[in-house]
Structures are given as structure tokens and as C-alpha cells.
Amino acid sequence: MPQLNPDPWFAILTFSWLIFLIIIPTKTLNHIMPNELTPVSAEKHKTESWDWPW
């Protein structure tokens, strides 16, 4: 019975896991943040209270 021969199926399993673990994450991580982040200044903005007219 050919289903009991593990040689081709084990190779297919290992190559598919190599693709899932090595190739696909590197391709997807390149698209997550294509632009570099610029740091935001840490200065606090002045907030003024607003008196309601009623």
C-alpha cells in the first residue's frame, strides 16, 4: 500500500513547514512597517480652561 510509505509525505511535510516558518514570516514582516517611525516630541501642550457662557 503506498500510503504506508512515509518517504514522499515526510519530505512534503518538512518542506511545507520550512516554507511556513522561514519564507512566509519574512515576506509578511517586510510589509508590516515599511516606513520608519519618527519620534514624537515629548513637550506638553498648554491646555486652557473654557468657561461656558451659561
PDB file of N, CA and C in Angstrom:
ATOM      1  N   MET A   1       0.848  -1.184   0.000  1.00  0.00           N
ATOM      2  CA  MET A   1       0.000   0.000   0.000  1.00  0.00           C
ATOM      3  C   MET A   1       0.894   1.248   0.000  1.00  0.00           C
ATOM      4  N   PRO A   2       0.674   2.174  -0.910  1.00  0.00           N
ATOM      5  CA  PRO A   2       1.559   3.338  -0.997  1.00  0.00           C
ATOM      6  C   PRO A   2       1.363   4.344   0.128  1.00  0.00           C
ATOM      7  N   GLN A   3       0.237   4.290   0.841  1.00  0.00           N
ATOM      8  CA  GLN A   3       0.014   5.237   1.922  1.00  0.00           C
ATOM      9  C   GLN A   3       0.948   4.991   3.106  1.00  0.00           C
ATOM     10  N   LEU A   4       1.466   3.783   3.222  1.00  0.00           N
ATOM     11  CA  LEU A   4       2.319   3.459   4.350  1.00  0.00           C
ATOM     12  C   LEU A   4       3.778   3.848   4.121  1.00  0.00           C
ATOM     13  N   ASN A   5       4.119   4.237   2.920  1.00  0.00           N
ATOM     14  CA  ASN A   5       5.494   4.661   2.624  1.00  0.00           C
ATOM     15  C   ASN A   5       5.638   6.124   3.049  1.00  0.00           C
ATOM     16  N   PRO A   6       6.406   6.424   4.108  1.00  0.00           N
ATOM     17  CA  PRO A   6       6.468   7.794   4.620  1.00  0.00           C
ATOM     18  C   PRO A   6       7.443   8.705   3.874  1.00  0.00           C
ATOM     19  N   ASP A   7       8.210   8.166   2.937  1.00  0.00           N
ATOM     20  CA  ASP A   7       9.250   8.976   2.306  1.00  0.00           C
ATOM     21  C   ASP A   7       8.712  10.218   1.592  1.00  0.00           C
ATOM     22  N   PRO A   8       7.793  10.126   0.635  1.00  0.00           N
ATOM     23  CA  PRO A   8       7.376  11.372  -0.023  1.00  0.00           C
ATOM     24  C   PRO A   8       6.552  12.274   0.888  1.00  0.00           C
ATOM     25  N   TRP A   9       5.763  11.707   1.782  1.00  0.00           N
ATOM     26  CA  TRP A   9       4.905  12.531   2.630  1.00  0.00           C
ATOM     27  C   TRP A   9       5.703  13.250   3.697  1.00  0.00           C
ATOM     28  N   PHE A  10       6.747  12.609   4.200  1.00  0.00           N
ATOM     29  CA  PHE A  10       7.585  13.278   5.195  1.00  0.00           C
ATOM     30  C   PHE A  10       8.360  14.432   4.567  1.00  0.00           C
ATOM     31  N   ALA A  11       8.818  14.257   3.352  1.00  0.00           N
ATOM     32  CA  ALA A  11       9.513  15.344   2.660  1.00  0.00           C
ATOM     33  C   ALA A  11       8.562  16.502   2.390  1.00  0.00           C
ATOM     34  N   ILE A  12       7.346  16.198   1.978  1.00  0.00           N
ATOM     35  CA  ILE A  12       6.352  17.248   1.741  1.00  0.00           C
ATOM     36  C   ILE A  12       6.037  17.972   3.044  1.00  0.00           C
ATOM     37  N   LEU A  13       5.921  17.245   4.130  1.00  0.00           N
ATOM     38  CA  LEU A  13       5.648  17.848   5.429  1.00  0.00           C
ATOM     39  C   LEU A  13       6.783  18.773   5.860  1.00  0.00           C
ATOM     40  N   THR A  14       8.015  18.320   5.738  1.00  0.00           N
ATOM     41  CA  THR A  14       9.135  19.150   6.179  1.00  0.00           C
ATOM     42  C   THR A  14       9.305  20.382   5.298  1.00  0.00           C
ATOM     43  N   PHE A  15       9.150  20.243   3.983  1.00  0.00           N
ATOM     44  CA  PHE A  15       9.287  21.409   3.109  1.00  0.00           C
ATOM     45  C   PHE A  15       8.161  22.408   3.326  1.00  0.00           C
ATOM     46  N   SER A  16       6.963  21.922   3.573  1.00  0.00           N
ATOM     47  CA  SER A  16       5.864  22.857   3.823  1.00  0.00           C
ATOM     48  C   SER A  16       6.075  23.595   5.140  1.00  0.00           C
ATOM     49  N   TRP A  17       6.583  22.911   6.188  1.00  0.00           N
ATOM     50  CA  TRP A  17       6.863  23.603   7.436  1.00  0.00           C
ATOM     51  C   TRP A  17       8.013  24.581   7.296  1.00  0.00           C
ATOM     52  N   LEU A  18       9.008  24.263   6.485  1.00  0.00           N
ATOM     53  CA  LEU A  18      10.080  25.221   6.242  1.00  0.00           C
ATOM     54  C   LEU A  18       9.549  26.460   5.551  1.00  0.00           C
ATOM     55  N   ILE A  19       8.635  26.283   4.622  1.00  0.00           N
ATOM     56  CA  ILE A  19       8.038  27.438   3.950  1.00  0.00           C
ATOM     57  C   ILE A  19       7.230  28.265   4.941  1.00  0.00           C
ATOM     58  N   PHE A  20       6.445  27.590   5.779  1.00  0.00           N
ATOM     59  CA  PHE A  20       5.620  28.321   6.746  1.00  0.00           C
ATOM     60  C   PHE A  20       6.447  29.040   7.802  1.00  0.00           C
ATOM     61  N   LEU A  21       7.576  28.465   8.200  1.00  0.00           N
ATOM     62  CA  LEU A  21       8.352  29.038   9.293  1.00  0.00           C
ATOM     63  C   LEU A  21       9.448  30.000   8.853  1.00  0.00           C
ATOM     64  N   ILE A  22       9.891  29.926   7.606  1.00  0.00           N
ATOM     65  CA  ILE A  22      11.011  30.762   7.176  1.00  0.00           C
ATOM     66  C   ILE A  22      10.599  31.780   6.125  1.00  0.00           C
ATOM     67  N   ILE A  23       9.974  31.336   5.071  1.00  0.00           N
ATOM     68  CA  ILE A  23       9.731  32.222   3.932  1.00  0.00           C
ATOM     69  C   ILE A  23       8.544  33.146   4.166  1.00  0.00           C
ATOM     70  N   ILE A  24       7.430  32.622   4.628  1.00  0.00           N
ATOM     71  CA  ILE A  24       6.217  33.442   4.776  1.00  0.00           C
ATOM     72  C   ILE A  24       6.371  34.525   5.852  1.00  0.00           C
ATOM     73  N   PRO A  25       6.941  34.251   7.039  1.00  0.00           N
ATOM     74  CA  PRO A  25       7.089  35.344   8.018  1.00  0.00           C
ATOM     75  C   PRO A  25       7.999  36.470   7.548  1.00  0.00           C
ATOM     76  N   THR A  26       9.063  36.154   6.824  1.00  0.00           N
ATOM     77  CA  THR A  26       9.934  37.226   6.358  1.00  0.00           C
ATOM     78  C   THR A  26       9.237  38.089   5.319  1.00  0.00           C
ATOM     79  N   LYS A  27       8.407  37.487   4.480  1.00  0.00           N
ATOM     80  CA  LYS A  27       7.689  38.280   3.489  1.00  0.00           C
ATOM     81  C   LYS A  27       6.612  39.137   4.135  1.00  0.00           C
ATOM     82  N   THR A  28       5.944  38.628   5.158  1.00  0.00           N
ATOM     83  CA  THR A  28       4.892  39.416   5.794  1.00  0.00           C
ATOM     84  C   THR A  28       5.462  40.492   6.717  1.00  0.00           C
ATOM     85  N   LEU A  29       6.581  40.228   7.360  1.00  0.00           N
ATOM     86  CA  LEU A  29       7.160  41.237   8.243  1.00  0.00           C
ATOM     87  C   LEU A  29       7.722  42.420   7.469  1.00  0.00           C
ATOM     88  N   ASN A  30       8.043  42.244   6.212  1.00  0.00           N
ATOM     89  CA  ASN A  30       8.507  43.364   5.404  1.00  0.00           C
ATOM     90  C   ASN A  30       7.390  44.346   5.104  1.00  0.00           C
ATOM     91  N   HIS A  31       6.152  43.911   5.189  1.00  0.00           N
ATOM     92  CA  HIS A  31       5.029  44.777   4.853  1.00  0.00           C
ATOM     93  C   HIS A  31       4.336  45.366   6.069  1.00  0.00           C
ATOM     94  N   ILE A  32       4.715  44.987   7.259  1.00  0.00           N
ATOM     95  CA  ILE A  32       4.032  45.500   8.447  1.00  0.00           C
ATOM     96  C   ILE A  32       4.382  46.966   8.677  1.00  0.00           C
ATOM     97  N   MET A  33       5.679  47.309   8.683  1.00  0.00           N
ATOM     98  CA  MET A  33       6.100  48.690   8.875  1.00  0.00           C
ATOM     99  C   MET A  33       7.076  49.070   7.771  1.00  0.00           C
ATOM    100  N   PRO A  34       6.580  49.446   6.618  1.00  0.00           N
ATOM    101  CA  PRO A  34       7.509  49.799   5.538  1.00  0.00           C
ATOM    102  C   PRO A  34       8.214  51.133   5.774  1.00  0.00           C
ATOM    103  N   ASN A  35       7.613  52.035   6.546  1.00  0.00           N
ATOM    104  CA  ASN A  35       8.222  53.337   6.816  1.00  0.00           C
ATOM    105  C   ASN A  35       8.819  53.340   8.211  1.00  0.00           C
ATOM    106  N   GLU A  36       9.895  54.081   8.363  1.00  0.00           N
ATOM    107  CA  GLU A  36      10.493  54.185   9.689  1.00  0.00           C
ATOM    108  C   GLU A  36       9.699  55.166  10.542  1.00  0.00           C
ATOM    109  N   LEU A  37       9.623  54.876  11.805  1.00  0.00           N
ATOM    110  CA  LEU A  37       8.866  55.718  12.718  1.00  0.00           C
ATOM    111  C   LEU A  37       9.683  56.948  13.096  1.00  0.00           C
ATOM    112  N   THR A  38       9.006  58.069  13.194  1.00  0.00           N
ATOM    113  CA  THR A  38       9.661  59.283  13.661  1.00  0.00           C
ATOM    114  C   THR A  38       9.225  59.534  15.094  1.00  0.00           C
ATOM    115  N   PRO A  39      10.145  59.855  15.989  1.00  0.00           N
ATOM    116  CA  PRO A  39       9.758  60.064  17.389  1.00  0.00           C
ATOM    117  C   PRO A  39       8.946  61.356  17.547  1.00  0.00           C
ATOM    118  N   VAL A  40       7.951  61.281  18.406  1.00  0.00           N
ATOM    119  CA  VAL A  40       7.099  62.433  18.681  1.00  0.00           C
ATOM    120  C   VAL A  40       7.731  63.227  19.817  1.00  0.00           C
ATOM    121  N   SER A  41       7.664  64.551  19.712  1.00  0.00           N
ATOM    122  CA  SER A  41       8.247  65.380  20.764  1.00  0.00           C
ATOM    123  C   SER A  41       7.478  65.189  22.065  1.00  0.00           C
ATOM    124  N   ALA A  42       8.201  65.270  23.162  1.00  0.00           N
ATOM    125  CA  ALA A  42       7.614  64.985  24.465  1.00  0.00           C
ATOM    126  C   ALA A  42       7.120  66.236  25.174  1.00  0.00           C
ATOM    127  N   GLU A  43       7.110  67.386  24.512  1.00  0.00           N
ATOM    128  CA  GLU A  43       6.672  68.604  25.198  1.00  0.00           C
ATOM    129  C   GLU A  43       5.161  68.587  25.400  1.00  0.00           C
ATOM    130  N   LYS A  44       4.742  69.119  26.534  1.00  0.00           N
ATOM    131  CA  LYS A  44       3.321  69.135  26.864  1.00  0.00           C
ATOM    132  C   LYS A  44       2.673  70.378  26.272  1.00  0.00           C
ATOM    133  N   HIS A  45       1.487  70.193  25.753  1.00  0.00           N
ATOM    134  CA  HIS A  45       0.754  71.324  25.191  1.00  0.00           C
ATOM    135  C   HIS A  45      -0.007  72.050  26.300  1.00  0.00           C
ATOM    136  N   LYS A  46      -0.095  73.348  26.157  1.00  0.00           N
ATOM    137  CA  LYS A  46      -0.828  74.119  27.157  1.00  0.00           C
ATOM    138  C   LYS A  46      -2.319  73.960  26.890  1.00  0.00           C
ATOM    139  N   THR A  47      -3.015  73.609  27.917  1.00  0.00           N
ATOM    140  CA  THR A  47      -4.464  73.499  27.809  1.00  0.00           C
ATOM    141  C   THR A  47      -5.086  74.633  28.608  1.00  0.00           C
ATOM    142  N   GLU A  48      -6.033  75.300  27.999  1.00  0.00           N
ATOM    143  CA  GLU A  48      -6.722  76.402  28.676  1.00  0.00           C
ATOM    144  C   GLU A  48      -8.139  75.968  28.996  1.00  0.00           C
ATOM    145  N   SER A  49      -8.594  76.398  30.165  1.00  0.00           N
ATOM    146  CA  SER A  49      -9.977  76.067  30.527  1.00  0.00           C
ATOM    147  C   SER A  49     -10.927  76.939  29.722  1.00  0.00           C
ATOM    148  N   TRP A  50     -12.073  76.407  29.464  1.00  0.00           N
ATOM    149  CA  TRP A  50     -13.062  77.110  28.655  1.00  0.00           C
ATOM    150  C   TRP A  50     -14.273  77.376  29.540  1.00  0.00           C
ATOM    151  N   ASP A  51     -14.538  78.635  29.765  1.00  0.00           N
ATOM    152  CA  ASP A  51     -15.693  78.992  30.590  1.00  0.00           C
ATOM    153  C   ASP A  51     -16.935  79.002  29.703  1.00  0.00           C
ATOM    154  N   TRP A  52     -17.890  78.192  30.118  1.00  0.00           N
ATOM    155  CA  TRP A  52     -19.128  78.126  29.344  1.00  0.00           C
ATOM    156  C   TRP A  52     -19.950  79.390  29.598  1.00  0.00           C
ATOM    157  N   PRO A  53     -20.628  79.896  28.581  1.00  0.00           N
ATOM    158  CA  PRO A  53     -21.333  81.167  28.725  1.00  0.00           C
ATOM    159  C   PRO A  53     -22.648  81.110  29.505  1.00  0.00           C
ATOM    160  N   TRP A  54     -23.084  79.983  29.989  1.00  0.00           N
ATOM    161  CA  TRP A  54     -24.356  79.965  30.716  1.00  0.00           C
ATOM    162  C   TRP A  54     -24.186  79.971  32.195  1.00  0.00           C
TER     163      TRP A  54
END
